[in-house]
N, C-alpha and C. Protein backbone atom coordinates (compact mmCIF):
# COMPACT_ATOMS: atom_id res chain seq x y z
N MET A 1 128.44 68.78 98.46
CA MET A 1 128.03 70.56 98.33
C MET A 1 128.34 71.23 99.15
N ARG A 2 127.53 71.00 100.69
CA ARG A 2 127.75 71.77 101.71
C ARG A 2 129.11 71.42 101.71
N ASN A 3 130.03 70.43 101.69
CA ASN A 3 131.29 70.78 102.27
C ASN A 3 132.49 71.57 101.33
N SER A 4 131.75 71.93 100.37
CA SER A 4 132.35 72.63 99.62
C SER A 4 132.08 74.25 99.53
N ARG A 5 130.78 73.89 100.03
CA ARG A 5 130.69 75.56 99.95
C ARG A 5 130.87 76.27 101.58
N LEU A 6 131.72 75.22 102.77
CA LEU A 6 132.56 75.50 104.27
C LEU A 6 133.20 75.47 103.11
N CYS A 7 134.30 74.89 102.75
CA CYS A 7 135.79 75.38 101.73
C CYS A 7 135.52 76.38 101.74
N ILE A 8 134.97 76.75 100.78
CA ILE A 8 134.67 78.01 99.71
C ILE A 8 134.41 79.77 101.15
N GLY A 9 133.55 79.09 101.88
CA GLY A 9 133.46 80.56 102.87
C GLY A 9 134.59 80.38 103.61
N VAL A 10 135.89 79.21 103.88
CA VAL A 10 136.49 79.25 104.62
C VAL A 10 137.71 79.79 104.00
N LEU A 11 138.12 79.90 102.35
CA LEU A 11 138.74 80.70 101.88
C LEU A 11 138.32 82.08 101.67
N LEU A 12 137.00 82.29 102.05
CA LEU A 12 137.03 83.18 101.81
C LEU A 12 137.65 84.16 103.05
N VAL A 13 136.92 83.87 104.22
CA VAL A 13 136.97 84.41 105.96
C VAL A 13 138.90 84.60 105.46
N ALA A 14 139.64 83.64 105.36
CA ALA A 14 141.19 83.95 104.32
C ALA A 14 141.34 84.69 104.12
N GLY A 15 140.68 85.21 102.80
CA GLY A 15 141.17 85.98 102.02
C GLY A 15 141.51 87.51 102.23
N LEU A 16 139.98 87.84 103.26
CA LEU A 16 139.79 89.04 104.62
C LEU A 16 140.89 88.74 104.74
N CYS A 17 141.25 88.19 105.43
CA CYS A 17 142.47 88.49 106.62
C CYS A 17 143.98 88.64 106.08
N LEU A 18 143.97 87.56 105.23
CA LEU A 18 144.73 88.43 104.29
C LEU A 18 145.51 89.44 103.22
N ALA A 19 144.55 89.59 103.37
CA ALA A 19 144.46 90.86 101.14
C ALA A 19 145.49 92.00 102.59
N PRO A 20 145.02 92.35 103.42
CA PRO A 20 146.22 93.74 103.99
C PRO A 20 147.28 93.43 104.17
N ALA A 21 147.81 92.64 104.31
CA ALA A 21 149.56 92.00 104.76
C ALA A 21 149.46 92.10 103.46
N ALA A 22 149.26 91.87 102.38
CA ALA A 22 149.50 91.18 101.38
C ALA A 22 149.92 93.22 100.21
N LEU A 23 149.02 93.65 101.32
CA LEU A 23 148.74 95.12 100.45
C LEU A 23 149.32 95.37 101.22
N SER A 24 150.48 95.61 102.44
CA SER A 24 151.89 96.41 102.96
C SER A 24 152.99 96.37 102.53
N ALA A 25 153.13 94.78 101.94
CA ALA A 25 154.34 94.59 101.46
C ALA A 25 155.01 95.58 100.48
N SER A 26 153.90 96.12 99.47
CA SER A 26 153.94 97.68 98.51
C SER A 26 154.45 99.09 98.98
N GLU A 27 154.31 98.98 100.30
CA GLU A 27 154.22 100.44 101.35
C GLU A 27 156.17 99.64 102.17
N ARG A 28 155.53 98.37 102.40
CA ARG A 28 157.09 99.05 103.54
C ARG A 28 158.34 98.67 101.72
N ARG A 29 158.20 98.09 101.08
CA ARG A 29 159.16 98.52 100.03
C ARG A 29 159.60 99.83 99.08
N GLY A 30 158.30 100.92 99.97
CA GLY A 30 158.72 102.06 99.51
C GLY A 30 158.16 102.72 98.34
N GLU A 31 157.26 101.70 97.35
CA GLU A 31 156.75 102.37 96.21
C GLU A 31 156.06 103.34 96.73
N PRO A 32 155.70 103.81 95.53
CA PRO A 32 155.08 104.76 95.43
C PRO A 32 153.55 104.83 94.97
N ARG A 33 152.46 105.40 95.39
CA ARG A 33 151.20 104.56 94.68
C ARG A 33 150.59 105.98 94.02
N LEU A 34 151.13 106.77 93.86
CA LEU A 34 150.49 108.36 93.67
C LEU A 34 151.05 109.64 93.03
N PRO A 35 151.59 110.24 91.99
CA PRO A 35 152.72 111.45 92.12
C PRO A 35 152.60 111.88 93.19
N GLU A 36 153.40 112.79 93.49
CA GLU A 36 153.87 114.27 94.94
C GLU A 36 152.66 115.09 94.29
N ALA A 37 151.97 115.45 95.24
CA ALA A 37 151.15 116.12 95.52
C ALA A 37 151.34 117.36 95.45
N ARG A 38 150.01 118.09 95.47
CA ARG A 38 150.10 120.15 94.54
C ARG A 38 150.08 120.45 95.93
N TYR A 39 150.31 122.02 95.93
CA TYR A 39 150.18 122.70 96.58
C TYR A 39 150.07 121.79 98.24
N ALA A 40 152.04 121.44 98.40
CA ALA A 40 152.01 121.05 99.45
C ALA A 40 153.98 122.00 100.07
N SER A 41 153.51 122.45 101.21
CA SER A 41 154.69 123.14 101.67
C SER A 41 155.38 122.24 103.15
N GLY A 42 156.64 121.86 102.36
CA GLY A 42 157.41 120.72 103.68
C GLY A 42 157.14 119.17 102.97
N PRO A 43 158.39 118.40 103.68
CA PRO A 43 158.18 116.82 103.32
C PRO A 43 157.13 116.63 104.09
N SER A 44 156.37 116.94 105.41
CA SER A 44 155.47 116.39 105.91
C SER A 44 153.86 116.54 105.22
N ALA A 45 154.09 117.42 104.86
CA ALA A 45 153.22 118.15 104.10
C ALA A 45 152.65 117.29 102.89
N SER A 46 153.55 117.62 102.02
CA SER A 46 154.04 116.69 100.82
C SER A 46 153.16 115.26 101.07
N HIS A 47 153.85 115.29 102.00
CA HIS A 47 153.58 113.54 102.40
C HIS A 47 152.16 113.42 102.31
N ALA A 48 151.40 113.62 103.77
CA ALA A 48 150.24 114.36 104.07
C ALA A 48 149.76 114.16 102.53
N SER A 49 149.75 115.04 101.44
CA SER A 49 148.81 114.98 100.65
C SER A 49 148.82 113.92 100.19
N ASN A 50 150.17 113.61 99.52
CA ASN A 50 149.74 112.05 98.83
C ASN A 50 148.55 110.85 99.44
N LEU A 51 148.79 110.90 100.84
CA LEU A 51 148.29 109.44 101.33
C LEU A 51 146.79 110.18 101.51
N LEU A 52 146.39 111.70 102.11
CA LEU A 52 145.05 111.77 101.44
C LEU A 52 144.02 111.59 99.77
N GLN A 53 144.81 111.73 98.38
CA GLN A 53 144.97 110.94 97.56
C GLN A 53 145.08 110.39 97.22
N GLN A 54 145.62 109.57 98.04
CA GLN A 54 145.58 107.65 97.84
C GLN A 54 143.93 106.74 98.61
N ILE A 55 143.78 107.63 100.27
CA ILE A 55 142.52 107.68 100.75
C ILE A 55 141.39 107.77 99.73
N GLN A 56 141.34 109.14 99.35
CA GLN A 56 140.32 109.25 98.08
C GLN A 56 140.54 108.38 97.05
N LEU A 57 141.57 108.24 95.99
CA LEU A 57 141.33 107.59 95.37
C LEU A 57 140.60 105.95 95.91
N ASP A 58 140.51 105.51 97.30
CA ASP A 58 139.90 104.32 97.69
C ASP A 58 138.52 104.11 97.74
N SER A 59 139.01 105.16 98.20
CA SER A 59 137.32 105.71 98.47
C SER A 59 136.44 106.26 97.15
N LYS A 60 136.87 105.91 96.46
CA LYS A 60 135.57 106.28 94.73
C LYS A 60 136.01 104.59 94.98
N ASN A 61 137.23 104.13 94.51
CA ASN A 61 137.18 102.70 93.88
C ASN A 61 136.25 101.57 94.92
N VAL A 62 135.81 101.56 96.78
CA VAL A 62 135.10 101.21 97.31
C VAL A 62 133.86 101.72 97.23
N LYS A 63 133.75 103.75 96.97
CA LYS A 63 132.04 103.23 95.74
C LYS A 63 131.25 102.61 94.58
N ASP A 64 132.31 102.35 94.22
CA ASP A 64 132.40 101.95 92.86
C ASP A 64 131.91 99.94 93.21
N ASP A 65 132.87 99.84 93.64
CA ASP A 65 132.46 98.54 94.55
C ASP A 65 131.29 97.96 95.10
N ALA A 66 130.94 99.33 95.72
CA ALA A 66 129.75 99.25 96.85
C ALA A 66 128.33 98.68 95.43
N ASP A 67 128.45 99.39 94.60
CA ASP A 67 127.50 99.67 93.62
C ASP A 67 127.10 98.72 92.62
N GLN A 68 128.40 97.80 92.30
CA GLN A 68 128.47 97.35 92.38
C GLN A 68 127.21 95.55 93.22
N LEU A 69 128.16 95.46 93.68
CA LEU A 69 127.66 94.89 94.93
C LEU A 69 126.02 95.32 95.39
N SER A 70 125.31 95.84 95.56
CA SER A 70 123.95 96.27 94.91
C SER A 70 122.85 95.72 94.64
N ALA A 71 123.97 96.44 93.11
CA ALA A 71 123.53 95.66 91.73
C ALA A 71 122.85 94.43 91.53
N PHE A 72 123.85 93.84 91.52
CA PHE A 72 125.11 92.52 91.67
C PHE A 72 122.78 91.45 93.17
N THR A 73 123.01 92.01 94.07
CA THR A 73 122.25 91.94 94.88
C THR A 73 120.29 92.24 94.29
N ARG A 74 120.16 93.22 93.38
CA ARG A 74 119.02 93.29 92.71
C ARG A 74 118.17 91.80 91.96
N THR A 75 119.72 90.83 91.15
CA THR A 75 120.01 89.98 90.69
C THR A 75 120.12 88.93 91.42
N PRO A 76 119.51 88.04 92.30
CA PRO A 76 120.15 87.18 93.12
C PRO A 76 120.11 85.36 92.43
N PHE A 77 119.34 85.46 91.65
CA PHE A 77 119.38 84.34 90.89
C PHE A 77 120.32 84.40 89.94
N LEU A 78 121.14 85.49 89.85
CA LEU A 78 121.67 85.68 88.61
C LEU A 78 123.55 84.82 88.71
N ILE A 79 123.38 85.84 89.46
CA ILE A 79 124.94 85.77 90.51
C ILE A 79 124.77 85.39 91.49
N ASP A 80 126.30 84.64 92.02
CA ASP A 80 126.77 83.26 92.48
C ASP A 80 126.60 84.41 93.75
N TRP A 81 126.40 83.98 95.19
CA TRP A 81 127.09 84.26 96.77
C TRP A 81 128.55 84.88 96.43
N ARG A 82 129.37 83.91 95.81
CA ARG A 82 130.34 84.24 95.70
C ARG A 82 131.47 85.55 95.04
N SER A 83 130.94 86.25 94.11
CA SER A 83 130.30 87.28 93.39
C SER A 83 130.17 88.52 94.35
N ASP A 84 129.66 88.22 94.64
CA ASP A 84 129.24 89.12 96.48
C ASP A 84 131.09 89.14 97.27
N GLY A 85 131.49 88.19 97.46
CA GLY A 85 132.11 87.55 98.17
C GLY A 85 133.64 88.12 97.60
N GLY A 86 133.43 88.20 96.15
CA GLY A 86 134.71 88.77 95.96
C GLY A 86 134.74 90.44 96.11
N ASP A 87 134.08 91.25 95.50
CA ASP A 87 133.25 92.52 95.67
C ASP A 87 133.91 92.71 97.15
N LEU A 88 132.80 92.00 97.83
CA LEU A 88 133.53 92.30 99.69
C LEU A 88 134.93 92.35 99.91
N THR A 89 135.69 91.03 99.44
CA THR A 89 136.93 91.50 99.91
C THR A 89 138.09 92.51 99.07
N SER A 90 137.85 93.07 97.43
CA SER A 90 137.93 94.47 97.38
C SER A 90 138.48 95.31 98.30
N ILE A 91 136.27 95.46 98.96
CA ILE A 91 136.10 96.60 99.90
C ILE A 91 136.63 96.81 100.68
N ARG A 92 137.15 95.31 101.29
CA ARG A 92 137.19 95.21 102.62
C ARG A 92 138.30 95.82 102.17
N THR A 93 139.98 95.65 101.88
CA THR A 93 140.93 95.47 101.82
C THR A 93 141.07 96.86 101.33
N ARG A 94 140.48 97.54 100.52
CA ARG A 94 140.50 98.93 100.72
C ARG A 94 139.88 100.28 101.76
N VAL A 95 139.37 99.75 102.53
CA VAL A 95 138.80 99.73 103.64
C VAL A 95 140.33 99.55 105.01
N ASN A 96 141.18 98.50 104.56
CA ASN A 96 141.92 98.29 105.53
C ASN A 96 142.66 98.89 105.14
N ASP A 97 143.02 99.43 103.74
CA ASP A 97 143.85 100.23 103.79
C ASP A 97 143.88 101.51 103.64
N MET A 98 142.77 102.20 103.77
CA MET A 98 142.82 103.45 104.71
C MET A 98 143.07 103.50 105.38
N ASP A 99 141.93 102.84 106.19
CA ASP A 99 142.40 102.83 107.73
C ASP A 99 144.27 102.88 108.15
N ARG A 100 144.92 102.53 107.62
CA ARG A 100 145.98 102.40 107.68
C ARG A 100 147.30 103.20 106.61
N LEU A 101 146.22 104.05 106.69
CA LEU A 101 146.69 105.85 105.96
C LEU A 101 146.59 106.52 106.26
N LEU A 102 144.91 106.46 107.13
CA LEU A 102 145.03 107.48 107.97
C LEU A 102 145.75 106.84 109.99
N ALA A 103 146.47 106.37 109.73
CA ALA A 103 146.89 106.02 111.06
C ALA A 103 147.85 106.24 110.92
N GLN A 104 148.87 107.13 109.30
CA GLN A 104 150.52 107.23 109.47
C GLN A 104 149.79 108.53 109.16
N LEU A 105 149.10 109.19 108.76
CA LEU A 105 147.98 110.52 108.94
C LEU A 105 147.92 111.48 110.91
N ARG A 106 147.88 110.09 111.02
CA ARG A 106 147.73 111.00 112.67
C ARG A 106 148.79 111.06 112.81
N ILE A 107 150.11 110.23 112.82
CA ILE A 107 151.32 110.46 113.19
C ILE A 107 151.59 111.71 112.97
N ARG A 108 150.85 112.25 112.12
CA ARG A 108 152.23 113.10 111.30
C ARG A 108 151.04 114.63 111.63
N GLU A 109 150.18 114.75 112.63
CA GLU A 109 149.13 115.39 112.33
C GLU A 109 149.83 116.48 112.81
N SER A 110 150.04 116.70 113.42
CA SER A 110 151.56 117.90 114.16
C SER A 110 151.66 118.52 113.15
N SER A 111 152.41 118.06 111.65
CA SER A 111 152.95 119.09 111.03
C SER A 111 152.40 119.14 110.04
N VAL A 112 151.10 119.07 109.68
CA VAL A 112 150.13 118.61 108.19
C VAL A 112 149.69 120.25 108.45
N GLN A 113 149.57 121.28 107.27
CA GLN A 113 148.42 121.82 107.06
C GLN A 113 147.33 121.71 107.64
N SER A 114 146.51 123.05 108.00
CA SER A 114 145.31 123.09 108.60
C SER A 114 144.03 122.32 107.98
N TRP A 115 144.09 122.40 106.03
CA TRP A 115 143.68 121.88 105.93
C TRP A 115 143.61 120.82 105.89
N GLN A 116 144.96 120.26 105.50
CA GLN A 116 144.51 118.52 105.92
C GLN A 116 144.49 118.03 106.85
N ARG A 117 144.51 118.82 108.62
CA ARG A 117 144.43 118.11 109.57
C ARG A 117 142.67 118.49 109.88
N GLN A 118 141.96 118.73 108.52
CA GLN A 118 140.00 118.77 109.12
C GLN A 118 140.00 118.25 107.68
N ALA A 119 140.98 117.09 107.00
CA ALA A 119 140.23 116.66 106.53
C ALA A 119 140.36 115.00 107.47
N ILE A 120 141.29 115.07 107.93
CA ILE A 120 141.80 113.87 108.85
C ILE A 120 140.41 113.66 109.64
N ASP A 121 140.17 114.47 110.52
CA ASP A 121 139.68 114.55 111.44
C ASP A 121 137.78 114.67 110.77
N GLY A 122 137.06 114.86 109.32
CA GLY A 122 136.40 114.73 108.98
C GLY A 122 135.89 114.06 108.25
N ILE A 123 137.23 113.00 107.83
CA ILE A 123 136.93 111.05 107.61
C ILE A 123 136.55 110.25 108.53
N ALA A 124 137.72 110.43 110.03
CA ALA A 124 137.98 109.65 110.98
C ALA A 124 136.64 108.71 111.15
N ALA A 125 136.00 109.31 111.70
CA ALA A 125 134.76 108.80 111.83
C ALA A 125 133.86 108.39 110.66
N THR A 126 133.70 108.54 109.24
CA THR A 126 133.40 108.02 108.98
C THR A 126 133.56 106.56 108.49
N LEU A 127 135.04 106.84 108.32
CA LEU A 127 136.04 105.78 107.62
C LEU A 127 135.57 103.91 109.19
N VAL A 128 135.53 104.64 110.77
CA VAL A 128 135.02 103.92 111.31
C VAL A 128 134.12 103.24 110.91
N ASN A 129 132.03 104.24 110.84
CA ASN A 129 130.99 103.87 110.24
C ASN A 129 132.01 102.32 109.10
N LEU A 130 132.36 102.72 107.83
CA LEU A 130 132.20 102.48 106.66
C LEU A 130 133.09 101.59 107.01
N SER A 131 134.14 100.30 108.01
CA SER A 131 134.44 99.43 108.23
C SER A 131 133.71 98.67 109.29
N ASP A 132 132.73 99.78 110.24
CA ASP A 132 131.71 98.53 110.51
C ASP A 132 131.18 97.99 109.83
N THR A 133 130.32 98.49 108.52
CA THR A 133 129.12 98.88 107.90
C THR A 133 129.96 97.18 106.47
N THR A 134 131.02 97.65 106.90
CA THR A 134 131.88 95.97 105.77
C THR A 134 131.96 94.81 105.90
N GLN A 135 132.25 95.59 107.87
CA GLN A 135 131.80 93.82 108.72
C GLN A 135 130.79 93.90 108.70
N ALA A 136 129.61 93.69 108.62
CA ALA A 136 127.81 94.31 108.94
C ALA A 136 127.98 92.39 107.46
N ALA A 137 128.34 93.36 106.41
CA ALA A 137 128.00 92.71 105.11
C ALA A 137 128.74 91.19 105.26
N VAL A 138 130.01 91.40 105.47
CA VAL A 138 131.01 90.78 105.98
C VAL A 138 130.55 89.07 106.44
N THR A 139 129.68 89.21 107.58
CA THR A 139 129.12 88.94 108.43
C THR A 139 127.79 88.09 107.88
N THR A 140 127.19 89.09 106.85
CA THR A 140 126.00 89.32 106.44
C THR A 140 126.31 87.46 105.54
N LEU A 141 127.33 87.51 104.42
CA LEU A 141 127.28 87.49 103.54
C LEU A 141 127.81 85.55 104.23
N ASN A 142 128.96 85.70 105.26
CA ASN A 142 129.88 83.89 105.25
C ASN A 142 128.37 83.46 106.42
N GLN A 143 127.29 84.31 106.97
CA GLN A 143 126.45 83.31 107.84
C GLN A 143 125.64 82.11 106.79
N ARG A 144 125.35 83.53 106.00
CA ARG A 144 124.19 82.97 104.80
C ARG A 144 124.06 83.06 103.97
N GLN A 145 125.27 81.81 103.92
CA GLN A 145 125.82 81.68 101.66
C GLN A 145 124.93 80.55 101.38
N ASP A 146 124.06 80.10 101.25
CA ASP A 146 123.31 79.21 101.25
C ASP A 146 121.55 80.08 101.48
N ASN A 147 121.36 81.03 101.53
CA ASN A 147 120.07 81.53 101.87
C ASN A 147 120.59 83.27 102.11
N VAL A 148 120.86 83.88 101.45
CA VAL A 148 121.96 85.52 101.35
C VAL A 148 120.03 86.39 101.77
N TYR A 149 120.20 87.18 102.20
CA TYR A 149 119.49 87.81 102.60
C TYR A 149 119.23 89.06 102.01
N TYR A 150 119.46 89.15 100.64
CA TYR A 150 120.09 90.32 99.51
C TYR A 150 119.43 92.00 100.00
N SER A 151 117.95 92.09 100.53
CA SER A 151 117.48 93.03 100.35
C SER A 151 118.37 93.74 101.76
N ASN A 152 119.25 92.50 102.46
CA ASN A 152 119.94 93.25 103.79
C ASN A 152 120.89 93.44 103.60
N LEU A 153 121.96 92.81 102.30
CA LEU A 153 122.88 93.00 102.00
C LEU A 153 122.89 94.47 100.86
N ARG A 154 121.40 93.83 100.11
CA ARG A 154 122.02 95.50 99.18
C ARG A 154 121.90 97.00 99.95
N GLY A 155 121.15 96.53 101.36
CA GLY A 155 121.29 98.30 102.36
C GLY A 155 123.03 98.37 102.60
N LEU A 156 122.73 97.06 102.92
CA LEU A 156 124.84 97.62 103.47
C LEU A 156 125.77 98.17 102.58
N ALA A 157 125.63 97.74 101.18
CA ALA A 157 125.99 97.95 100.60
C ALA A 157 125.84 99.46 99.92
N LYS A 158 124.43 100.05 99.89
CA LYS A 158 124.21 101.45 99.40
C LYS A 158 124.68 102.22 100.79
N ASP A 159 124.44 102.06 102.20
CA ASP A 159 125.35 102.35 103.22
C ASP A 159 127.36 102.43 102.36
N MET A 160 127.79 101.45 102.47
CA MET A 160 128.70 101.95 101.97
C MET A 160 129.72 102.82 100.72
N SER A 161 129.03 102.93 99.97
CA SER A 161 128.71 103.70 98.72
C SER A 161 128.96 105.18 99.53
N ALA A 162 127.31 105.74 100.14
CA ALA A 162 127.57 106.38 101.11
C ALA A 162 128.62 106.31 102.03
N GLN A 163 128.30 106.35 102.36
CA GLN A 163 130.17 106.80 103.44
C GLN A 163 131.34 106.14 102.80
N ALA A 164 131.68 106.23 101.63
CA ALA A 164 132.43 106.11 100.70
C ALA A 164 132.13 107.24 99.88
N GLU A 165 131.76 108.05 99.23
CA GLU A 165 130.99 108.74 98.90
C GLU A 165 131.43 110.07 100.14
N VAL A 166 131.43 110.20 101.51
CA VAL A 166 131.33 111.06 101.93
C VAL A 166 133.17 111.21 102.70
N ILE A 167 133.31 110.19 102.55
CA ILE A 167 135.23 110.23 102.72
C ILE A 167 135.23 110.73 101.51
N SER A 168 134.97 110.44 99.70
CA SER A 168 135.34 111.22 98.73
C SER A 168 135.55 112.95 98.50
N ARG A 169 134.78 113.12 99.33
CA ARG A 169 133.80 114.89 99.10
C ARG A 169 134.46 115.37 100.35
N THR A 170 135.03 114.47 101.36
CA THR A 170 135.27 115.73 101.96
C THR A 170 136.42 116.12 101.86
N ILE A 171 138.37 115.35 101.27
CA ILE A 171 139.00 114.75 101.42
C ILE A 171 138.62 116.57 100.32
N GLU A 172 137.93 116.39 99.73
CA GLU A 172 137.66 117.43 98.21
C GLU A 172 137.30 118.57 98.38
N ASN A 173 136.25 118.30 99.00
CA ASN A 173 136.24 120.00 99.55
C ASN A 173 137.25 120.61 100.31
N GLN A 174 137.47 119.72 101.44
CA GLN A 174 139.13 120.50 102.20
C GLN A 174 140.33 121.17 101.44
N GLU A 175 140.17 120.13 100.20
CA GLU A 175 141.85 120.54 99.74
C GLU A 175 141.36 121.90 98.39
N LYS A 176 139.98 122.11 97.67
CA LYS A 176 139.56 123.11 96.86
C LYS A 176 139.07 124.92 98.17
N GLY A 177 139.05 123.95 99.57
CA GLY A 177 138.93 125.25 100.69
C GLY A 177 140.58 125.50 100.45
N ALA A 178 141.02 124.99 100.59
CA ALA A 178 143.27 125.15 100.75
C ALA A 178 143.31 126.28 99.54
N GLU A 179 142.81 125.55 98.26
CA GLU A 179 142.91 125.89 97.58
C GLU A 179 142.62 127.53 96.74
N THR A 180 141.38 127.52 97.35
CA THR A 180 141.05 129.29 97.24
C THR A 180 141.58 130.39 98.19
N GLU A 181 142.14 129.51 99.10
CA GLU A 181 142.36 130.17 100.62
C GLU A 181 143.82 131.30 99.48
N ARG A 182 144.27 130.52 99.10
CA ARG A 182 146.34 131.15 98.60
C ARG A 182 145.95 131.77 97.38
């Protein structure tokens, strides 16, 4: 029993490490993730809008996954810790993806519109916090598989949900502000 738990724990950690590399393959092939953005002028601004829209979409998905994780922790006797691990793997993958997208935006920051620059600056610190909170949740689950402190995990899930919502709203508010200026 102990060996199977150890094996599953190792697989979970391996999945958390390998998933971001698998996702980046589609980006290298140049596969589009979202349709062209509206209200952008020039190729850099348009690309920045697409990247921001993808970050916003990923943050909404992280919020949904974190809310589901929080709900699961209310009934730990019904859900196995591996289900929580699956949610955390999904969250970690999306957070890593948002971090890569933000890095791409930082490279183009000098050629984007002002509202995009404000959105980039506004989400950067929250994304760092979201990444740290997600890592804390992964660590909590990996260290305590046989006796997970669900109240700790629930608190971390709520924090991840709130941070993801801040990212999404920051982008939404900056885009709305830009639309009203037009």
